[in-house]
Amino acid sequence: MAKFFTPAQISEFKECFSLYDKKLKGKIDSKDLITVMRCLGSSPTPGEIERHLQVHKIGKKGEVDFSTFLIMMHRQMQQEDPKNEILEAFRMTDKQKRGYIQASELRAKLTTLGEKLTNREVDELFREANIRSNGNIKYAEFTQMVTLPPVDY
């Protein structure tokens, strides 16, 4: 699995995994799998967790070792497509199918819904995306920009 994740990701996964390794055996209870995956930014459903466990023949009261966990995380991350999810959210609010959203409307959504951003964070995001605060944002281009992987120096 090391070829699918960066050393930094593996380190982050291991750190979180270890927090739930209550018996200090290098394993977590299968009931904690959904929590650990969600702590790491993934969004599995209970049904998806059940399928991950079935694939590896692990019961609901079983345990998951770290290497199996990495395989499950990789599969889960492949299933999830944040770019598509963000685009779909934009399309749902674009009743006229214009392909853009006003910057003021996006600011309002980013500062009031979900994991709220501060005005300063939105200003920084707009600056990075080269967006005027009174302009329109083509959401397909904006989504592409915000879902690019971070630069790894």
C-alpha atoms as a PDB file:
ATOM      1  CA  MET A   1       0.000   0.000   0.000  1.00  0.00           C
ATOM      2  CA  ALA A   2       2.994   2.284   0.368  1.00  0.00           C
ATOM      3  CA  LYS A   3       2.866   2.950  -3.376  1.00  0.00           C
ATOM      4  CA  PHE A   4      -0.636   4.449  -3.059  1.00  0.00           C
ATOM      5  CA  PHE A   5       0.075   6.779  -0.140  1.00  0.00           C
ATOM      6  CA  THR A   6       2.772   9.293   0.641  1.00  0.00           C
ATOM      7  CA  PRO A   7       4.935   8.750   3.745  1.00  0.00           C
ATOM      8  CA  ALA A   8       3.134  11.729   5.329  1.00  0.00           C
ATOM      9  CA  GLN A   9      -0.268  10.116   4.713  1.00  0.00           C
ATOM     10  CA  ILE A  10       0.876   6.786   6.141  1.00  0.00           C
ATOM     11  CA  SER A  11       2.237   8.567   9.188  1.00  0.00           C
ATOM     12  CA  GLU A  12      -1.048  10.426   9.683  1.00  0.00           C
ATOM     13  CA  PHE A  13      -3.041   7.202   9.230  1.00  0.00           C
ATOM     14  CA  LYS A  14      -0.809   5.361  11.704  1.00  0.00           C
ATOM     15  CA  GLU A  15      -1.135   8.115  14.290  1.00  0.00           C
ATOM     16  CA  CYS A  16      -4.931   8.091  14.129  1.00  0.00           C
ATOM     17  CA  PHE A  17      -5.066   4.284  13.958  1.00  0.00           C
ATOM     18  CA  SER A  18      -2.894   4.065  17.078  1.00  0.00           C
ATOM     19  CA  LEU A  19      -5.326   6.227  19.043  1.00  0.00           C
ATOM     20  CA  TYR A  20      -7.938   3.475  18.651  1.00  0.00           C
ATOM     21  CA  ASP A  21      -5.521   0.573  19.256  1.00  0.00           C
ATOM     22  CA  LYS A  22      -6.752   0.161  22.829  1.00  0.00           C
ATOM     23  CA  LYS A  23      -5.008  -3.175  23.477  1.00  0.00           C
ATOM     24  CA  LEU A  24      -1.721  -1.944  21.922  1.00  0.00           C
ATOM     25  CA  LYS A  25      -1.640  -4.986  19.604  1.00  0.00           C
ATOM     26  CA  GLY A  26      -1.436  -3.068  16.327  1.00  0.00           C
ATOM     27  CA  LYS A  27      -5.149  -3.651  15.714  1.00  0.00           C
ATOM     28  CA  ILE A  28      -8.381  -1.736  16.121  1.00  0.00           C
ATOM     29  CA  ASP A  29     -11.829  -3.126  16.813  1.00  0.00           C
ATOM     30  CA  SER A  30     -13.891  -3.338  13.637  1.00  0.00           C
ATOM     31  CA  LYS A  31     -16.570  -1.221  15.335  1.00  0.00           C
ATOM     32  CA  ASP A  32     -14.063   1.672  15.422  1.00  0.00           C
ATOM     33  CA  LEU A  33     -13.232   1.449  11.704  1.00  0.00           C
ATOM     34  CA  ILE A  34     -15.853   3.985  10.589  1.00  0.00           C
ATOM     35  CA  THR A  35     -14.676   6.482  13.213  1.00  0.00           C
ATOM     36  CA  VAL A  36     -11.003   6.161  12.265  1.00  0.00           C
ATOM     37  CA  MET A  37     -11.741   6.503   8.542  1.00  0.00           C
ATOM     38  CA  ARG A  38     -13.913   9.561   9.137  1.00  0.00           C
ATOM     39  CA  CYS A  39     -11.262  11.128  11.383  1.00  0.00           C
ATOM     40  CA  LEU A  40      -8.928  10.865   8.396  1.00  0.00           C
ATOM     41  CA  GLY A  41     -11.253  12.738   6.054  1.00  0.00           C
ATOM     42  CA  SER A  42     -12.995   9.820   4.391  1.00  0.00           C
ATOM     43  CA  SER A  43     -16.800   9.505   4.446  1.00  0.00           C
ATOM     44  CA  PRO A  44     -17.731   5.820   4.495  1.00  0.00           C
ATOM     45  CA  THR A  45     -21.306   4.761   5.116  1.00  0.00           C
ATOM     46  CA  PRO A  46     -22.078   1.902   7.508  1.00  0.00           C
ATOM     47  CA  GLY A  47     -22.840  -0.249   4.444  1.00  0.00           C
ATOM     48  CA  GLU A  48     -19.445   0.513   2.920  1.00  0.00           C
ATOM     49  CA  ILE A  49     -17.744  -0.395   6.199  1.00  0.00           C
ATOM     50  CA  GLU A  50     -19.647  -3.668   6.233  1.00  0.00           C
ATOM     51  CA  ARG A  51     -18.439  -4.446   2.696  1.00  0.00           C
ATOM     52  CA  HIS A  52     -14.823  -3.620   3.604  1.00  0.00           C
ATOM     53  CA  LEU A  53     -15.069  -6.022   6.534  1.00  0.00           C
ATOM     54  CA  GLN A  54     -16.723  -8.740   4.424  1.00  0.00           C
ATOM     55  CA  VAL A  55     -14.008  -8.542   1.763  1.00  0.00           C
ATOM     56  CA  HIS A  56     -11.399  -9.245   4.439  1.00  0.00           C
ATOM     57  CA  LYS A  57     -13.585 -11.797   6.260  1.00  0.00           C
ATOM     58  CA  ILE A  58     -13.623  -9.760   9.462  1.00  0.00           C
ATOM     59  CA  GLY A  59     -16.645 -10.034  11.714  1.00  0.00           C
ATOM     60  CA  LYS A  60     -18.442  -7.180  13.439  1.00  0.00           C
ATOM     61  CA  LYS A  61     -16.603  -8.057  16.653  1.00  0.00           C
ATOM     62  CA  GLY A  62     -13.292  -8.664  14.874  1.00  0.00           C
ATOM     63  CA  GLU A  63     -10.132  -6.621  14.643  1.00  0.00           C
ATOM     64  CA  VAL A  64      -8.414  -4.828  11.760  1.00  0.00           C
ATOM     65  CA  ASP A  65      -4.616  -4.654  11.519  1.00  0.00           C
ATOM     66  CA  PHE A  66      -2.868  -1.631  10.044  1.00  0.00           C
ATOM     67  CA  SER A  67      -1.963  -3.149   6.676  1.00  0.00           C
ATOM     68  CA  THR A  68      -5.581  -4.257   6.143  1.00  0.00           C
ATOM     69  CA  PHE A  69      -6.698  -0.804   7.244  1.00  0.00           C
ATOM     70  CA  LEU A  70      -4.471   0.773   4.568  1.00  0.00           C
ATOM     71  CA  ILE A  71      -6.074  -1.423   1.914  1.00  0.00           C
ATOM     72  CA  MET A  72      -9.526  -0.406   3.127  1.00  0.00           C
ATOM     73  CA  MET A  73      -8.585   3.293   3.165  1.00  0.00           C
ATOM     74  CA  HIS A  74      -7.212   3.036  -0.362  1.00  0.00           C
ATOM     75  CA  ARG A  75     -10.400   1.406  -1.644  1.00  0.00           C
ATOM     76  CA  GLN A  76     -12.574   3.917   0.186  1.00  0.00           C
ATOM     77  CA  MET A  77     -10.623   6.878  -1.156  1.00  0.00           C
ATOM     78  CA  GLN A  78     -10.888   5.493  -4.699  1.00  0.00           C
ATOM     79  CA  GLN A  79     -14.675   5.282  -4.323  1.00  0.00           C
ATOM     80  CA  GLU A  80     -15.020   8.859  -3.169  1.00  0.00           C
ATOM     81  CA  ASP A  81     -14.752  11.611  -5.726  1.00  0.00           C
ATOM     82  CA  PRO A  82     -14.695  15.022  -4.012  1.00  0.00           C
ATOM     83  CA  LYS A  83     -14.459  16.909  -7.315  1.00  0.00           C
ATOM     84  CA  ASN A  84     -17.684  15.339  -8.566  1.00  0.00           C
ATOM     85  CA  GLU A  85     -19.424  15.901  -5.225  1.00  0.00           C
ATOM     86  CA  ILE A  86     -18.496  19.600  -5.201  1.00  0.00           C
ATOM     87  CA  LEU A  87     -19.570  20.071  -8.828  1.00  0.00           C
ATOM     88  CA  GLU A  88     -22.871  18.343  -8.118  1.00  0.00           C
ATOM     89  CA  ALA A  89     -23.497  20.667  -5.159  1.00  0.00           C
ATOM     90  CA  PHE A  90     -22.849  23.698  -7.388  1.00  0.00           C
ATOM     91  CA  ARG A  91     -25.131  22.332 -10.118  1.00  0.00           C
ATOM     92  CA  MET A  92     -27.929  21.810  -7.606  1.00  0.00           C
ATOM     93  CA  THR A  93     -27.839  25.503  -6.652  1.00  0.00           C
ATOM     94  CA  ASP A  94     -27.564  26.673 -10.270  1.00  0.00           C
ATOM     95  CA  LYS A  95     -31.244  26.560 -11.236  1.00  0.00           C
ATOM     96  CA  GLN A  96     -30.678  28.443 -14.506  1.00  0.00           C
ATOM     97  CA  LYS A  97     -27.775  26.157 -15.492  1.00  0.00           C
ATOM     98  CA  ARG A  98     -25.486  29.148 -16.088  1.00  0.00           C
ATOM     99  CA  GLY A  99     -22.270  27.426 -15.039  1.00  0.00           C
ATOM    100  CA  TYR A 100     -21.279  30.149 -12.614  1.00  0.00           C
ATOM    101  CA  ILE A 101     -22.054  31.461  -9.141  1.00  0.00           C
ATOM    102  CA  GLN A 102     -21.685  34.995  -7.819  1.00  0.00           C
ATOM    103  CA  ALA A 103     -18.691  35.449  -5.519  1.00  0.00           C
ATOM    104  CA  SER A 104     -20.936  36.978  -2.846  1.00  0.00           C
ATOM    105  CA  GLU A 105     -23.210  33.912  -2.940  1.00  0.00           C
ATOM    106  CA  LEU A 106     -20.253  31.540  -2.664  1.00  0.00           C
ATOM    107  CA  ARG A 107     -18.850  33.572   0.237  1.00  0.00           C
ATOM    108  CA  ALA A 108     -22.199  33.328   2.035  1.00  0.00           C
ATOM    109  CA  LYS A 109     -22.300  29.545   1.563  1.00  0.00           C
ATOM    110  CA  LEU A 110     -18.675  29.046   2.658  1.00  0.00           C
ATOM    111  CA  THR A 111     -19.125  31.102   5.820  1.00  0.00           C
ATOM    112  CA  THR A 112     -22.514  29.754   6.914  1.00  0.00           C
ATOM    113  CA  LEU A 113     -22.873  26.138   5.770  1.00  0.00           C
ATOM    114  CA  GLY A 114     -21.096  22.917   6.711  1.00  0.00           C
ATOM    115  CA  GLU A 115     -17.570  23.348   7.989  1.00  0.00           C
ATOM    116  CA  LYS A 116     -17.695  27.139   8.107  1.00  0.00           C
ATOM    117  CA  LEU A 117     -14.783  29.205   6.835  1.00  0.00           C
ATOM    118  CA  THR A 118     -13.915  32.603   8.248  1.00  0.00           C
ATOM    119  CA  ASN A 119     -14.095  35.695   6.040  1.00  0.00           C
ATOM    120  CA  ARG A 120     -10.298  35.813   6.152  1.00  0.00           C
ATOM    121  CA  GLU A 121     -10.087  32.196   4.879  1.00  0.00           C
ATOM    122  CA  VAL A 122     -12.534  32.986   2.073  1.00  0.00           C
ATOM    123  CA  ASP A 123     -10.508  36.093   1.163  1.00  0.00           C
ATOM    124  CA  GLU A 124      -7.379  33.941   0.958  1.00  0.00           C
ATOM    125  CA  LEU A 125      -9.168  31.317  -1.150  1.00  0.00           C
ATOM    126  CA  PHE A 126     -10.485  33.986  -3.515  1.00  0.00           C
ATOM    127  CA  ARG A 127      -7.027  35.550  -3.769  1.00  0.00           C
ATOM    128  CA  GLU A 128      -5.461  32.175  -4.635  1.00  0.00           C
ATOM    129  CA  ALA A 129      -8.192  31.524  -7.210  1.00  0.00           C
ATOM    130  CA  ASN A 130      -7.822  35.067  -8.605  1.00  0.00           C
ATOM    131  CA  ILE A 131     -11.492  35.860  -7.939  1.00  0.00           C
ATOM    132  CA  ARG A 132     -12.862  39.387  -7.519  1.00  0.00           C
ATOM    133  CA  SER A 133     -15.211  39.696  -4.562  1.00  0.00           C
ATOM    134  CA  ASN A 134     -17.897  41.221  -6.796  1.00  0.00           C
ATOM    135  CA  GLY A 135     -17.391  38.881  -9.756  1.00  0.00           C
ATOM    136  CA  ASN A 136     -18.813  35.636 -11.032  1.00  0.00           C
ATOM    137  CA  ILE A 137     -17.091  32.304 -10.520  1.00  0.00           C
ATOM    138  CA  LYS A 138     -17.221  29.574 -13.129  1.00  0.00           C
ATOM    139  CA  TYR A 139     -17.702  26.728 -10.718  1.00  0.00           C
ATOM    140  CA  ALA A 140     -16.183  23.984 -12.903  1.00  0.00           C
ATOM    141  CA  GLU A 141     -12.890  25.903 -13.038  1.00  0.00           C
ATOM    142  CA  PHE A 142     -13.101  26.800  -9.340  1.00  0.00           C
ATOM    143  CA  THR A 143     -13.701  23.154  -8.402  1.00  0.00           C
ATOM    144  CA  GLN A 144     -10.733  22.079 -10.500  1.00  0.00           C
ATOM    145  CA  MET A 145      -8.539  24.588  -8.686  1.00  0.00           C
ATOM    146  CA  VAL A 146      -9.628  23.692  -5.140  1.00  0.00           C
ATOM    147  CA  THR A 147      -9.337  19.936  -5.720  1.00  0.00           C
ATOM    148  CA  LEU A 148      -5.801  19.976  -7.106  1.00  0.00           C
ATOM    149  CA  PRO A 149      -3.451  18.043  -4.858  1.00  0.00           C
ATOM    150  CA  PRO A 150      -1.316  20.285  -2.623  1.00  0.00           C
ATOM    151  CA  VAL A 151       2.180  21.059  -3.849  1.00  0.00           C
ATOM    152  CA  ASP A 152       4.667  18.769  -2.099  1.00  0.00           C
ATOM    153  CA  TYR A 153       8.005  20.523  -1.854  1.00  0.00           C
END
